[in-house]
Amino acid sequence: MFGKHILLKKTSVRQFTPMTANDNVPARKTELLEKLKKEIPDLKKVQEKCKGAQFFSVDICFYLNKSPQASGESEKDLDNMLKPLLDVLAEKFTNSDNKPVDGLGLIGNDKLIHEIHCVKKHVDKENTGFDIEISKWQDEK
């Protein structure tokens, strides 16, 4: 998209099975948070860039295991995979004790996401994971 104001450049997490809202979500959110922190070495800088945006656009591509023996890993609904990931992007999310814990702090709250472009692809097991990019929402004045 021409003139796109990217806040978090495309970040890839591999060798991670994307979770759904039905998985052991609090524990998996913590695992997801740690994976993303490792892939965003300049997290503080990205957090500062994101503070200047009122609304956000998110591009995500989930890579699922294509093996027919991995039906639980390859037959996931996009909407169910989105929720845990979007929760972790926020300043806070709920842990297994139902208490708020620090998230990535890129988006104050996921209600500020005004646009999502999401795709899922089937790949070999070693390439499972996702790519994510966050931009300032284009219609923001």
Protein backbone atom coordinates (compact mmCIF):
# COMPACT_ATOMS: atom_id res chain seq x y z
CA MET A 1 0.00 0.00 0.00
CA PHE A 2 1.47 3.37 -1.06
CA GLY A 3 2.38 5.71 1.78
CA LYS A 4 1.98 3.05 4.47
CA HIS A 5 3.37 4.24 7.82
CA ILE A 6 4.91 1.08 9.29
CA LEU A 7 5.31 0.98 13.07
CA LEU A 8 6.48 -2.64 13.43
CA LYS A 9 8.22 -3.93 10.32
CA LYS A 10 7.43 -7.47 9.22
CA THR A 11 8.43 -9.73 12.10
CA SER A 12 8.61 -13.50 11.68
CA VAL A 13 8.15 -16.13 14.39
CA ARG A 14 8.91 -19.69 13.27
CA GLN A 15 8.81 -23.14 14.83
CA PHE A 16 5.74 -22.05 16.76
CA THR A 17 2.29 -23.58 16.28
CA PRO A 18 -0.22 -20.72 16.11
CA MET A 19 -2.70 -21.01 18.96
CA THR A 20 -6.44 -20.56 19.00
CA ALA A 21 -8.82 -19.22 21.63
CA ASN A 22 -9.50 -22.88 22.52
CA ASP A 23 -5.89 -23.75 23.40
CA ASN A 24 -4.39 -23.34 26.90
CA VAL A 25 -4.52 -19.63 26.18
CA PRO A 26 -2.93 -17.96 29.25
CA ALA A 27 0.16 -20.20 29.17
CA ARG A 28 0.40 -20.01 25.38
CA LYS A 29 0.04 -16.20 25.44
CA THR A 30 3.06 -16.04 27.74
CA GLU A 31 5.00 -18.31 25.37
CA LEU A 32 3.91 -16.15 22.43
CA LEU A 33 4.93 -12.97 24.25
CA GLU A 34 8.45 -14.34 24.86
CA LYS A 35 8.80 -15.48 21.23
CA LEU A 36 7.83 -12.02 19.97
CA LYS A 37 10.18 -10.25 22.39
CA LYS A 38 13.08 -12.30 20.97
CA GLU A 39 12.16 -11.29 17.42
CA ILE A 40 11.77 -7.56 18.17
CA PRO A 41 15.21 -6.49 19.40
CA ASP A 42 14.30 -2.79 19.31
CA LEU A 43 11.04 -3.23 21.26
CA LYS A 44 11.35 0.04 23.22
CA LYS A 45 11.82 1.99 19.98
CA VAL A 46 8.79 0.30 18.38
CA GLN A 47 6.70 0.97 21.51
CA GLU A 48 7.56 4.68 21.23
CA LYS A 49 6.61 4.76 17.53
CA CYS A 50 3.29 3.08 18.31
CA LYS A 51 2.43 5.66 21.00
CA GLY A 52 2.03 8.24 18.25
CA ALA A 53 -0.74 6.31 16.49
CA GLN A 54 -4.37 6.62 17.43
CA PHE A 55 -5.54 3.59 15.41
CA PHE A 56 -3.77 0.60 13.89
CA SER A 57 -3.72 -1.68 10.86
CA VAL A 58 -2.34 -5.21 11.30
CA ASP A 59 -1.13 -7.62 8.61
CA ILE A 60 -0.73 -11.25 9.70
CA CYS A 61 0.12 -14.45 7.88
CA PHE A 62 -0.22 -17.69 9.85
CA TYR A 63 1.82 -20.68 8.68
CA LEU A 64 0.18 -23.98 9.64
CA ASN A 65 1.52 -27.52 9.44
CA LYS A 66 0.36 -29.02 6.11
CA SER A 67 0.83 -32.65 7.20
CA PRO A 68 -2.41 -34.68 7.01
CA GLN A 69 -1.40 -36.29 10.32
CA ALA A 70 -1.47 -32.86 11.98
CA SER A 71 -5.17 -32.13 11.55
CA GLY A 72 -5.33 -30.26 14.88
CA GLU A 73 -2.49 -28.01 13.73
CA SER A 74 -3.62 -27.43 10.16
CA GLU A 75 -7.37 -26.94 10.50
CA LYS A 76 -7.52 -23.77 12.59
CA ASP A 77 -9.96 -20.92 12.03
CA LEU A 78 -8.40 -17.54 11.29
CA ASP A 79 -10.64 -15.69 13.73
CA ASN A 80 -9.69 -18.05 16.57
CA MET A 81 -5.96 -17.59 15.89
CA LEU A 82 -6.24 -13.80 15.82
CA LYS A 83 -7.59 -13.19 19.32
CA PRO A 84 -4.63 -14.52 21.39
CA LEU A 85 -2.10 -12.77 19.15
CA LEU A 86 -3.92 -9.42 19.23
CA ASP A 87 -4.26 -9.68 23.03
CA VAL A 88 -0.48 -10.03 23.43
CA LEU A 89 0.14 -6.86 21.38
CA ALA A 90 -1.68 -4.78 24.00
CA GLU A 91 -0.21 -3.16 27.11
CA LYS A 92 -1.82 -5.80 29.35
CA PHE A 93 -3.39 -9.24 28.95
CA THR A 94 -4.84 -11.76 31.40
CA ASN A 95 -2.69 -14.64 32.72
CA SER A 96 -3.74 -18.06 34.04
CA ASP A 97 -4.62 -16.52 37.44
CA ASN A 98 -6.97 -14.12 35.64
CA LYS A 99 -4.68 -11.21 36.56
CA PRO A 100 -3.37 -8.56 34.19
CA VAL A 101 0.26 -8.97 33.09
CA ASP A 102 2.40 -6.85 30.80
CA GLY A 103 1.97 -7.45 27.10
CA LEU A 104 4.18 -6.08 24.32
CA GLY A 105 2.77 -2.59 24.81
CA LEU A 106 2.53 -1.87 21.09
CA ILE A 107 -1.20 -1.17 21.14
CA GLY A 108 -2.96 0.26 24.18
CA ASN A 109 -5.95 -2.02 23.62
CA ASP A 110 -6.90 -4.23 20.69
CA LYS A 111 -10.09 -2.18 20.19
CA LEU A 112 -7.76 0.40 18.59
CA ILE A 113 -7.15 -1.95 15.66
CA HIS A 114 -9.32 -0.68 12.82
CA GLU A 115 -8.05 -2.91 10.02
CA ILE A 116 -6.80 -6.49 9.84
CA HIS A 117 -5.47 -8.32 6.82
CA CYS A 118 -5.04 -11.98 7.67
CA VAL A 119 -4.02 -15.05 5.65
CA LYS A 120 -3.20 -18.65 6.50
CA LYS A 121 -0.87 -20.87 4.51
CA HIS A 122 0.08 -24.52 4.88
CA VAL A 123 3.80 -25.28 5.18
CA ASP A 124 6.21 -27.96 6.38
CA LYS A 125 6.26 -28.38 10.18
CA GLU A 126 9.63 -26.62 10.63
CA ASN A 127 8.22 -23.45 9.01
CA THR A 128 5.08 -23.12 11.16
CA GLY A 129 4.52 -19.80 12.88
CA PHE A 130 3.45 -16.38 11.67
CA ASP A 131 4.53 -13.03 10.24
CA ILE A 132 3.13 -9.78 11.61
CA GLU A 133 3.40 -6.14 10.59
CA ILE A 134 1.73 -3.19 12.32
CA SER A 135 1.04 0.14 10.64
CA LYS A 136 -0.70 3.36 11.44
CA TRP A 137 -4.27 3.05 10.16
CA GLN A 138 -4.45 4.85 6.80
CA ASP A 139 -7.77 6.64 7.43
CA GLU A 140 -6.44 8.22 10.62
CA LYS A 141 -6.35 11.99 10.27
